[in-house]
Amino acid sequence: MLLEGFATAAQPEYLLYALLGVTLGTAVGVLPGIGPAMTVALLLPLTYTLEPTAALIIFAGIYYGGMYGGSTTSILLNTPGESASIVTALEGNKMAKAGRGAAALATAAIGSFVAGTIATVLLTLLAPAIADLAVQLGPADYVALMVVAFTTVAALLGSSPVRGLASLGLGLFIGLVGTDTLTGQQRFTLGVATMSDGIDVVVVAVGVFAVGEALYVASRLRHGPIEVIPVGGKWMTRGFWARSWKPWLRGTFIGFPIGTVPAGGADVSTFLSYAAEKKLSKRPEEFGKGAIEGVAGPEAANNAAAAGVLVPLLTLGLPTTATAAVIVAAFQSYGIQPGPLLFTNNGPMVWALIASLYIGNVMLLVLNLPLVKIWVKVLQIPRPYLYAGILLFAALGTYAVNFVVDDLIVLLVIGVIGFFMRRHGYPVAPLVVGLILGPMAEEQVRRTLQISEGKLSALVTSPFAAVAYSILVVLLVVAVVLRLRRKKSEVTV
């Protein structure tokens, strides 16, 4: 099936779509504040004319490319393009200032390629097996999975659990707007006829990511020259290879499993990889001054986690990051529901998508090393022009969804909400995850209660649900202990 996927993905048309995706992804990874989630959200309405396979290959390329591109600005500008690239800036920028920028960029690009390829192999092997197991899950088991996803994404990954849960609550509320499928009763529509079908996920995604980010950047915009450190030194000497290959492998096997669980994500895996490299290094005194291991490990973990995130997305329909949530919306816009039956009902499309990840990884390696100076020039696009273009595409794309002016009003309202969320430190990812999974969770809860004739205990008595909730309790306890320790250490300092 994978070979059939390669036969599809290797067609000239799909190769061009993959190249377009990884090029866009690298560009948005380079630009601070414009992440893969915003780009996928912006392109969602514009790709409705494409067939699903082509659109999803583009989105996967953007996702992988965004992970690659963030390292360039982290190393040369000390400005991470993505939050997952923050750790890369710690050592990569020090290397660039010391005249070893070429080596830092090379170990980041090659490490991303190695990790992305190995993680995609693991995705290929694990995803069908997990999908086969997931087919056997009942409604109560899915409720448990969604509760775990809600809690971990909202309460464990952000700096403030209260703000994360508030963002999740807002997303769940927006998901309730529309007509109740069971009773036919309208909910929270304010008497507006166009809202009876609910608020389109695409409108919310574009509003929160594109309009909200544009307003936020405009409110903080400061004009000034951009100082880019020249790319100096040799690309990869024998010594750099010897110091990089073990961190690449360790980063891969740290990042992938963390990406597959709801409490994972690239941010967590990069910090864990950095901590592991610092502890295992034979030259710990170099950390903080430009240790190549501190670039190689986190960059590998970053890209491995990106592939790991696709495992729960494709097999269970559970998005664990903002970009994954928007990709789920892309699937749904084509009438395709990610989950256990995806490999059965849409097998050729899924295997073509997975095959395109292998191809995209090779393309990214070719694009990143020779074209670094071109990507740096992208940073010189004046911010007013850039964000004015984003707002224009956001409005056109939103209007193109249903050709209804009311959607533009909803877009503006959601955009203002997104602006204030950023302004006051509320994470956006829980809102989008709550919006997408909320209606699905409601449906599964109702199905469970109907089967059990209204017994609430049915939600927790199945073996899988009991194990899932037990793991969630352990995660919450560990998170509380770690936060208390961190506060105690800060007080001591």
Protein backbone atom coordinates (compact mmCIF):
# COMPACT_ATOMS: atom_id res chain seq x y z
CA MET A 1 0.00 0.00 0.00
CA LEU A 2 2.91 2.32 0.71
CA LEU A 3 4.36 1.53 -2.73
CA GLU A 4 0.98 2.42 -4.26
CA GLY A 5 1.12 5.64 -2.26
CA PHE A 6 4.55 6.40 -3.75
CA ALA A 7 3.18 5.67 -7.22
CA THR A 8 0.55 8.36 -6.60
CA ALA A 9 2.76 10.88 -4.80
CA ALA A 10 5.51 10.59 -7.43
CA GLN A 11 3.22 11.81 -10.22
CA PRO A 12 4.45 15.20 -11.53
CA GLU A 13 1.26 16.96 -10.40
CA TYR A 14 1.59 15.75 -6.79
CA LEU A 15 5.35 16.40 -6.76
CA LEU A 16 4.60 20.03 -7.60
CA TYR A 17 2.01 20.21 -4.81
CA ALA A 18 4.54 18.74 -2.35
CA LEU A 19 7.18 21.26 -3.50
CA LEU A 20 4.67 24.10 -3.11
CA GLY A 21 3.80 22.93 0.40
CA VAL A 22 7.36 22.57 1.69
CA THR A 23 8.40 25.89 0.10
CA LEU A 24 5.49 27.73 1.71
CA GLY A 25 6.14 25.92 4.98
CA THR A 26 9.80 26.91 5.04
CA ALA A 27 8.91 30.53 4.24
CA VAL A 28 6.34 30.76 7.03
CA GLY A 29 8.70 29.00 9.42
CA VAL A 30 11.28 31.69 8.72
CA LEU A 31 8.86 34.55 9.35
CA PRO A 32 8.37 35.08 13.11
CA GLY A 33 4.73 34.90 14.18
CA ILE A 34 3.43 33.29 10.97
CA GLY A 35 3.26 29.60 11.76
CA PRO A 36 2.01 26.54 9.86
CA ALA A 37 -1.39 26.76 11.59
CA MET A 38 -2.05 30.25 10.19
CA THR A 39 -0.89 29.25 6.70
CA VAL A 40 -3.03 26.10 6.57
CA ALA A 41 -6.01 28.09 7.87
CA LEU A 42 -5.49 30.77 5.20
CA LEU A 43 -5.16 28.22 2.39
CA LEU A 44 -8.10 26.06 3.47
CA PRO A 45 -10.76 28.03 1.56
CA LEU A 46 -8.45 28.51 -1.43
CA THR A 47 -7.85 24.75 -1.85
CA TYR A 48 -11.51 23.72 -2.12
CA THR A 49 -11.10 23.42 -5.88
CA LEU A 50 -8.34 20.83 -5.43
CA GLU A 51 -8.96 17.15 -4.87
CA PRO A 52 -8.45 16.03 -1.23
CA THR A 53 -5.15 14.22 -1.87
CA ALA A 54 -3.54 17.29 -3.45
CA ALA A 55 -4.76 19.64 -0.71
CA LEU A 56 -3.59 17.37 2.12
CA ILE A 57 -0.16 16.91 0.50
CA ILE A 58 0.20 20.69 0.45
CA PHE A 59 -0.85 20.99 4.10
CA ALA A 60 1.52 18.21 5.22
CA GLY A 61 4.34 19.94 3.34
CA ILE A 62 3.54 23.22 5.09
CA TYR A 63 3.55 21.45 8.47
CA TYR A 64 6.93 19.78 7.92
CA GLY A 65 8.43 22.84 6.21
CA GLY A 66 7.40 25.11 9.08
CA MET A 67 9.38 22.93 11.47
CA TYR A 68 12.46 23.23 9.22
CA GLY A 69 12.22 26.97 8.57
CA GLY A 70 12.05 28.03 12.21
CA SER A 71 15.68 27.02 12.78
CA THR A 72 17.03 29.54 10.25
CA THR A 73 15.87 32.64 12.11
CA SER A 74 16.65 31.05 15.47
CA ILE A 75 20.28 30.62 14.44
CA LEU A 76 20.90 33.78 12.39
CA LEU A 77 18.62 36.27 14.17
CA ASN A 78 18.02 34.72 17.60
CA THR A 79 14.33 35.09 16.71
CA PRO A 80 12.49 31.75 16.66
CA GLY A 81 9.95 31.56 13.84
CA GLU A 82 8.08 28.83 15.73
CA SER A 83 7.79 28.21 19.49
CA ALA A 84 9.39 24.79 18.98
CA SER A 85 12.54 26.54 17.68
CA ILE A 86 13.16 28.48 20.89
CA VAL A 87 15.61 25.86 22.18
CA THR A 88 17.55 25.93 18.89
CA ALA A 89 18.21 29.65 19.42
CA LEU A 90 19.96 28.99 22.73
CA GLU A 91 23.00 27.31 21.16
CA GLY A 92 22.51 27.99 17.43
CA ASN A 93 22.74 31.77 17.72
CA LYS A 94 25.87 31.48 19.87
CA MET A 95 27.42 29.27 17.17
CA ALA A 96 26.53 31.83 14.48
CA LYS A 97 28.10 34.67 16.50
CA ALA A 98 31.25 32.57 16.89
CA GLY A 99 31.52 32.16 13.10
CA ARG A 100 30.05 28.65 12.97
CA GLY A 101 26.62 29.57 11.55
CA ALA A 102 27.03 27.27 8.55
CA ALA A 103 27.63 24.26 10.81
CA ALA A 104 24.61 25.15 12.97
CA LEU A 105 22.35 25.44 9.92
CA ALA A 106 23.71 22.20 8.45
CA THR A 107 23.27 20.12 11.61
CA ALA A 108 19.74 21.53 12.00
CA ALA A 109 18.79 20.70 8.39
CA ILE A 110 20.41 17.26 8.28
CA GLY A 111 19.09 16.39 11.76
CA SER A 112 15.59 17.42 10.67
CA PHE A 113 15.91 15.20 7.59
CA VAL A 114 17.17 12.18 9.58
CA ALA A 115 14.53 12.57 12.30
CA GLY A 116 11.72 13.28 9.83
CA THR A 117 12.56 10.19 7.78
CA ILE A 118 12.88 7.82 10.77
CA ALA A 119 9.72 9.23 12.35
CA THR A 120 7.80 8.82 9.09
CA VAL A 121 8.93 5.16 8.95
CA LEU A 122 7.59 4.72 12.50
CA LEU A 123 4.35 6.45 11.45
CA THR A 124 4.09 4.03 8.50
CA LEU A 125 4.52 1.00 10.77
CA LEU A 126 2.45 2.11 13.76
CA ALA A 127 -0.51 3.98 12.28
CA PRO A 128 -2.27 0.99 10.61
CA ALA A 129 -1.84 -1.14 13.76
CA ILE A 130 -3.23 1.59 16.02
CA ALA A 131 -6.13 2.12 13.60
CA ASP A 132 -6.96 -1.62 13.80
CA LEU A 133 -7.04 -1.41 17.60
CA ALA A 134 -9.04 1.83 17.57
CA VAL A 135 -11.83 0.20 15.54
CA GLN A 136 -12.62 -1.88 18.62
CA LEU A 137 -13.10 1.16 20.90
CA GLY A 138 -16.62 2.03 22.04
CA PRO A 139 -18.27 5.45 22.54
CA ALA A 140 -17.19 5.65 26.21
CA ASP A 141 -13.57 4.97 25.19
CA TYR A 142 -13.67 7.84 22.72
CA VAL A 143 -15.08 10.14 25.38
CA ALA A 144 -12.14 9.19 27.61
CA LEU A 145 -9.65 9.89 24.82
CA MET A 146 -11.18 13.30 24.17
CA VAL A 147 -11.20 14.20 27.87
CA VAL A 148 -7.50 13.31 28.02
CA ALA A 149 -6.85 15.43 24.91
CA PHE A 150 -8.86 18.36 26.31
CA THR A 151 -7.14 18.31 29.68
CA THR A 152 -3.59 17.84 28.48
CA VAL A 153 -3.77 20.39 25.66
CA ALA A 154 -5.50 22.98 27.86
CA ALA A 155 -4.03 22.43 31.33
CA LEU A 156 -0.59 20.87 30.90
CA LEU A 157 1.04 22.50 27.88
CA GLY A 158 0.45 26.19 28.59
CA SER A 159 2.04 28.43 31.19
CA SER A 160 -1.30 28.86 32.98
CA PRO A 161 -3.78 25.94 33.34
CA VAL A 162 -6.61 28.37 34.16
CA ARG A 163 -6.09 30.34 30.94
CA GLY A 164 -5.76 27.12 28.95
CA LEU A 165 -9.05 25.79 30.34
CA ALA A 166 -10.76 29.14 29.70
CA SER A 167 -9.60 28.98 26.06
CA LEU A 168 -10.87 25.40 25.82
CA GLY A 169 -14.23 26.43 27.30
CA LEU A 170 -14.59 29.17 24.69
CA GLY A 171 -13.86 26.66 21.92
CA LEU A 172 -16.41 24.19 23.30
CA PHE A 173 -19.01 26.97 23.48
CA ILE A 174 -18.41 28.03 19.85
CA GLY A 175 -18.76 24.37 18.87
CA LEU A 176 -22.24 24.28 20.43
CA VAL A 177 -23.56 27.16 18.30
CA GLY A 178 -26.03 25.93 15.69
CA THR A 179 -28.80 23.35 15.54
CA ASP A 180 -28.85 20.41 17.96
CA THR A 181 -28.76 17.28 15.81
CA LEU A 182 -30.87 15.27 18.30
CA THR A 183 -33.71 17.71 19.06
CA GLY A 184 -33.53 20.11 16.12
CA GLN A 185 -33.44 23.01 18.61
CA GLN A 186 -31.31 26.04 17.73
CA ARG A 187 -28.62 26.91 20.30
CA PHE A 188 -26.90 30.29 20.80
CA THR A 189 -27.68 31.49 17.26
CA LEU A 190 -28.93 34.95 18.42
CA GLY A 191 -31.71 34.60 15.85
CA VAL A 192 -29.23 34.85 12.94
CA ALA A 193 -30.31 32.42 10.23
CA THR A 194 -26.81 31.79 8.88
CA MET A 195 -25.64 30.65 12.33
CA SER A 196 -28.21 27.86 12.49
CA ASP A 197 -25.71 25.59 10.69
CA GLY A 198 -23.05 26.47 13.24
CA ILE A 199 -19.93 28.60 12.95
CA ASP A 200 -17.66 27.16 10.29
CA VAL A 201 -14.37 25.82 11.65
CA VAL A 202 -12.51 27.47 8.76
CA VAL A 203 -13.89 30.91 9.70
CA VAL A 204 -12.80 30.44 13.33
CA ALA A 205 -9.35 29.12 12.38
CA VAL A 206 -8.69 31.99 9.96
CA GLY A 207 -10.05 34.54 12.45
CA VAL A 208 -7.98 33.31 15.40
CA PHE A 209 -4.73 32.63 13.59
CA ALA A 210 -4.64 35.16 10.73
CA VAL A 211 -6.74 38.15 11.81
CA GLY A 212 -5.89 37.83 15.51
CA GLU A 213 -2.15 37.54 14.79
CA ALA A 214 -2.21 40.43 12.29
CA LEU A 215 -3.94 42.73 14.80
CA TYR A 216 -1.54 41.65 17.55
CA VAL A 217 1.57 42.28 15.42
CA ALA A 218 0.16 45.64 14.28
CA SER A 219 -0.34 46.72 17.89
CA ARG A 220 3.29 45.94 18.72
CA LEU A 221 4.94 46.85 15.42
CA ARG A 222 8.30 48.54 15.73
CA HIS A 223 10.24 49.59 12.67
CA GLY A 224 13.98 49.05 12.67
CA PRO A 225 16.79 47.43 10.74
CA ILE A 226 16.97 43.63 10.80
CA GLU A 227 20.46 42.49 11.72
CA VAL A 228 21.27 39.09 10.27
CA ILE A 229 24.46 37.28 11.30
CA PRO A 230 26.41 36.22 8.19
CA VAL A 231 26.58 32.48 7.47
CA GLY A 232 30.20 31.74 8.37
CA GLY A 233 32.52 28.79 8.78
CA LYS A 234 32.57 25.31 7.26
CA TRP A 235 29.31 23.44 6.76
CA MET A 236 30.05 20.06 8.38
CA THR A 237 33.52 18.88 9.36
CA ARG A 238 34.30 15.33 10.47
CA GLY A 239 34.24 16.52 14.08
CA PHE A 240 30.80 18.07 13.70
CA TRP A 241 29.46 14.84 12.15
CA ALA A 242 30.89 12.83 15.05
CA ARG A 243 29.24 15.14 17.61
CA SER A 244 25.88 15.35 15.82
CA TRP A 245 24.79 11.84 14.83
CA LYS A 246 24.03 10.56 18.32
CA PRO A 247 21.97 13.67 19.26
CA TRP A 248 20.03 13.25 15.97
CA LEU A 249 19.05 9.70 16.92
CA ARG A 250 18.34 10.53 20.57
CA GLY A 251 16.25 13.53 19.55
CA THR A 252 14.26 11.35 17.14
CA PHE A 253 13.40 8.76 19.76
CA ILE A 254 12.56 11.45 22.32
CA GLY A 255 10.41 13.50 19.94
CA PHE A 256 8.35 10.83 18.20
CA PRO A 257 6.72 9.16 21.24
CA ILE A 258 6.07 12.54 22.88
CA GLY A 259 4.41 13.75 19.68
CA THR A 260 2.09 10.72 19.60
CA VAL A 261 0.53 11.35 23.03
CA PRO A 262 -1.96 14.16 23.73
CA ALA A 263 0.38 15.69 26.33
CA GLY A 264 3.18 15.83 23.77
CA GLY A 265 4.07 18.27 21.07
CA ALA A 266 7.25 19.67 19.62
CA ASP A 267 7.76 22.27 22.38
CA VAL A 268 7.99 19.65 25.15
CA SER A 269 10.22 17.30 23.15
CA THR A 270 12.77 20.01 22.24
CA PHE A 271 13.28 21.03 25.87
CA LEU A 272 13.62 17.38 26.94
CA SER A 273 16.12 16.71 24.16
CA TYR A 274 18.17 19.77 25.12
CA ALA A 275 18.23 18.67 28.77
CA ALA A 276 19.29 15.13 27.75
CA GLU A 277 22.11 16.39 25.52
CA LYS A 278 23.38 18.70 28.24
CA LYS A 279 23.47 15.83 30.73
CA LEU A 280 25.08 13.31 28.35
CA SER A 281 27.57 15.65 26.69
CA LYS A 282 31.32 15.14 27.14
CA ARG A 283 31.66 18.93 26.84
CA PRO A 284 28.98 20.31 29.20
CA GLU A 285 30.98 23.53 29.62
CA GLU A 286 30.19 24.45 25.98
CA PHE A 287 26.43 24.58 26.60
CA GLY A 288 25.34 28.20 26.68
CA LYS A 289 28.33 29.13 24.51
CA GLY A 290 27.45 27.31 21.26
CA ALA A 291 27.37 23.52 21.65
CA ILE A 292 26.45 21.80 18.40
CA GLU A 293 24.69 19.01 20.33
CA GLY A 294 22.24 21.64 21.63
CA VAL A 295 21.19 22.33 18.04
CA ALA A 296 21.27 18.79 16.63
CA GLY A 297 19.17 17.09 19.33
CA PRO A 298 16.31 19.61 19.68
CA GLU A 299 15.96 20.07 15.91
CA ALA A 300 15.68 16.29 15.46
CA ALA A 301 13.15 16.09 18.32
CA ASN A 302 11.18 18.95 16.76
CA ASN A 303 10.69 17.18 13.42
CA ALA A 304 10.16 13.73 14.93
CA ALA A 305 7.39 15.15 17.11
CA ALA A 306 5.74 16.63 14.00
CA ALA A 307 5.45 13.13 12.52
CA GLY A 308 4.34 11.76 15.89
CA VAL A 309 1.44 14.24 16.03
CA LEU A 310 0.09 12.67 12.81
CA VAL A 311 -0.36 9.28 14.53
CA PRO A 312 -3.32 10.25 16.80
CA LEU A 313 -4.60 12.60 14.07
CA LEU A 314 -4.87 9.90 11.39
CA THR A 315 -5.77 6.91 13.59
CA LEU A 316 -8.04 8.47 16.24
CA GLY A 317 -9.03 11.84 14.76
CA LEU A 318 -7.44 13.57 17.79
CA PRO A 319 -5.50 16.79 17.07
CA THR A 320 -2.92 17.60 19.76
CA THR A 321 -1.53 20.84 18.28
CA ALA A 322 -3.05 23.91 16.66
CA THR A 323 -1.78 22.93 13.20
CA ALA A 324 -3.11 19.39 13.60
CA ALA A 325 -6.50 20.83 14.58
CA VAL A 326 -6.64 22.89 11.39
CA ILE A 327 -5.61 19.84 9.32
CA VAL A 328 -8.53 17.93 10.89
CA ALA A 329 -10.76 20.80 9.73
CA ALA A 330 -9.26 20.32 6.25
CA PHE A 331 -10.20 16.63 6.28
CA GLN A 332 -13.73 17.48 7.45
CA SER A 333 -14.16 20.13 4.75
CA TYR A 334 -13.85 17.31 2.21
CA GLY A 335 -16.33 15.13 4.09
CA ILE A 336 -13.55 12.88 5.43
CA GLN A 337 -13.40 12.04 9.15
CA PRO A 338 -9.92 11.13 10.46
CA GLY A 339 -10.08 8.08 12.71
CA PRO A 340 -9.95 4.29 12.76
CA LEU A 341 -11.84 3.84 9.47
CA LEU A 342 -9.69 6.34 7.56
CA PHE A 343 -7.23 3.66 6.38
CA THR A 344 -10.15 1.47 5.27
CA ASN A 345 -12.37 4.07 3.63
CA ASN A 346 -9.69 6.38 2.20
CA GLY A 347 -6.64 4.10 2.04
CA PRO A 348 -5.14 5.34 -1.27
CA MET A 349 -5.33 8.98 -0.14
CA VAL A 350 -3.73 8.29 3.26
CA TRP A 351 -0.87 6.24 1.82
CA ALA A 352 -0.22 8.90 -0.82
CA LEU A 353 -0.10 11.46 2.02
CA ILE A 354 2.40 9.35 4.00
CA ALA A 355 4.52 8.75 0.88
CA SER A 356 4.57 12.51 0.24
CA LEU A 357 6.15 12.98 3.68
CA TYR A 358 9.18 10.95 2.59
CA ILE A 359 9.42 12.94 -0.63
CA GLY A 360 8.90 16.24 1.18
CA ASN A 361 11.75 15.47 3.58
CA VAL A 362 14.18 15.10 0.67
CA MET A 363 12.87 18.30 -0.90
CA LEU A 364 13.33 20.18 2.37
CA LEU A 365 16.96 19.09 2.68
CA VAL A 366 17.62 20.30 -0.88
CA LEU A 367 15.79 23.58 -0.25
CA ASN A 368 17.25 24.45 3.14
CA LEU A 369 21.01 24.14 2.75
CA PRO A 370 21.67 25.91 -0.59
CA LEU A 371 18.92 28.54 -0.26
CA VAL A 372 19.56 29.84 3.27
CA LYS A 373 20.46 33.35 2.06
CA ILE A 374 17.22 33.54 0.06
CA TRP A 375 15.14 32.56 3.12
CA VAL A 376 16.86 35.26 5.14
CA LYS A 377 15.84 37.84 2.53
CA VAL A 378 12.18 36.88 3.17
CA LEU A 379 12.62 38.55 6.56
CA GLN A 380 13.11 41.89 4.82
CA ILE A 381 9.49 42.00 3.56
CA PRO A 382 7.99 45.08 5.30
CA ARG A 383 5.63 43.91 8.03
CA PRO A 384 2.77 46.30 7.04
CA TYR A 385 2.70 44.86 3.51
CA LEU A 386 2.95 41.30 4.77
CA TYR A 387 0.09 41.51 7.27
CA ALA A 388 -2.08 43.61 4.98
CA GLY A 389 -1.81 40.78 2.45
CA ILE A 390 -2.67 38.24 5.16
CA LEU A 391 -5.82 40.18 6.11
CA LEU A 392 -6.84 40.43 2.45
CA PHE A 393 -6.45 36.68 1.89
CA ALA A 394 -8.23 35.97 5.18
CA ALA A 395 -11.26 38.00 4.11
CA LEU A 396 -11.36 36.59 0.56
CA GLY A 397 -10.92 33.02 1.76
CA THR A 398 -13.60 33.34 4.42
CA TYR A 399 -16.09 34.83 2.00
CA ALA A 400 -15.33 32.04 -0.48
CA VAL A 401 -16.42 29.37 2.04
CA ASN A 402 -20.16 30.13 1.87
CA PHE A 403 -20.34 33.43 -0.07
CA VAL A 404 -22.16 35.00 2.90
CA VAL A 405 -21.33 38.47 4.22
CA ASP A 406 -22.25 37.39 7.77
CA ASP A 407 -19.14 35.17 7.76
CA LEU A 408 -16.98 38.30 7.44
CA ILE A 409 -18.63 39.78 10.54
CA VAL A 410 -18.00 36.53 12.44
CA LEU A 411 -14.40 36.58 11.14
CA LEU A 412 -13.85 40.08 12.54
CA VAL A 413 -15.38 39.19 15.93
CA ILE A 414 -13.29 36.01 16.20
CA GLY A 415 -10.21 37.96 15.09
CA VAL A 416 -10.71 40.55 17.85
CA ILE A 417 -11.16 37.71 20.37
CA GLY A 418 -7.92 36.15 19.07
CA PHE A 419 -6.14 39.50 19.46
CA PHE A 420 -7.17 39.87 23.11
CA MET A 421 -6.27 36.23 23.80
CA ARG A 422 -2.73 36.87 22.57
CA ARG A 423 -2.57 40.21 24.35
CA HIS A 424 -3.40 38.63 27.72
CA GLY A 425 -1.54 35.32 27.31
CA TYR A 426 -4.40 32.92 26.56
CA PRO A 427 -3.27 30.00 24.33
CA VAL A 428 -5.09 29.61 21.02
CA ALA A 429 -4.58 25.85 20.47
CA PRO A 430 -7.12 24.73 23.16
CA LEU A 431 -9.80 26.91 21.56
CA VAL A 432 -9.41 25.25 18.14
CA VAL A 433 -9.12 21.75 19.64
CA GLY A 434 -12.26 22.36 21.73
CA LEU A 435 -14.15 23.67 18.70
CA ILE A 436 -13.32 20.61 16.58
CA LEU A 437 -13.57 17.86 19.21
CA GLY A 438 -16.44 19.39 21.24
CA PRO A 439 -19.30 18.34 18.92
CA MET A 440 -17.70 14.90 18.49
CA ALA A 441 -17.39 14.49 22.28
CA GLU A 442 -21.03 15.54 22.76
CA GLU A 443 -22.16 12.95 20.20
CA GLN A 444 -20.14 10.17 21.87
CA VAL A 445 -21.42 11.09 25.37
CA ARG A 446 -25.02 10.94 24.15
CA ARG A 447 -24.39 7.64 22.40
CA THR A 448 -22.88 6.16 25.58
CA LEU A 449 -25.82 7.31 27.71
CA GLN A 450 -28.34 5.98 25.20
CA ILE A 451 -26.68 2.55 25.17
CA SER A 452 -26.47 2.44 28.99
CA GLU A 453 -30.00 3.84 29.46
CA GLY A 454 -28.74 6.98 31.18
CA LYS A 455 -26.17 5.47 33.57
CA LEU A 456 -23.32 7.94 34.04
CA SER A 457 -21.09 5.17 35.37
CA ALA A 458 -20.91 3.78 31.82
CA LEU A 459 -18.56 6.65 30.96
CA VAL A 460 -15.82 5.30 33.24
CA THR A 461 -16.41 1.56 33.65
CA SER A 462 -14.98 0.25 30.38
CA PRO A 463 -11.39 -1.06 30.83
CA PHE A 464 -9.90 1.31 28.24
CA ALA A 465 -11.66 4.38 29.72
CA ALA A 466 -10.56 3.43 33.25
CA VAL A 467 -6.91 3.15 32.11
CA ALA A 468 -7.12 6.45 30.18
CA TYR A 469 -8.51 8.35 33.19
CA SER A 470 -5.90 6.75 35.48
CA ILE A 471 -3.09 7.92 33.17
CA LEU A 472 -4.67 11.39 33.09
CA VAL A 473 -4.67 11.56 36.92
CA VAL A 474 -1.00 10.55 36.99
CA LEU A 475 -0.14 13.22 34.40
CA LEU A 476 -1.98 15.88 36.41
CA VAL A 477 -0.23 14.89 39.66
CA VAL A 478 3.20 14.93 37.96
CA ALA A 479 2.43 18.33 36.41
CA VAL A 480 1.42 19.80 39.79
CA VAL A 481 4.57 18.42 41.48
CA LEU A 482 6.81 19.83 38.72
CA ARG A 483 5.15 23.26 38.94
CA LEU A 484 5.59 23.33 42.72
CA ARG A 485 9.26 22.37 42.39
CA ARG A 486 9.80 25.06 39.78
CA LYS A 487 8.21 27.70 41.99
CA LYS A 488 10.29 26.56 44.96
CA SER A 489 13.50 26.76 42.92
CA GLU A 490 12.58 30.25 41.70
CA VAL A 491 11.95 31.39 45.27
CA THR A 492 15.31 29.91 46.36
CA VAL A 493 17.13 31.70 43.54
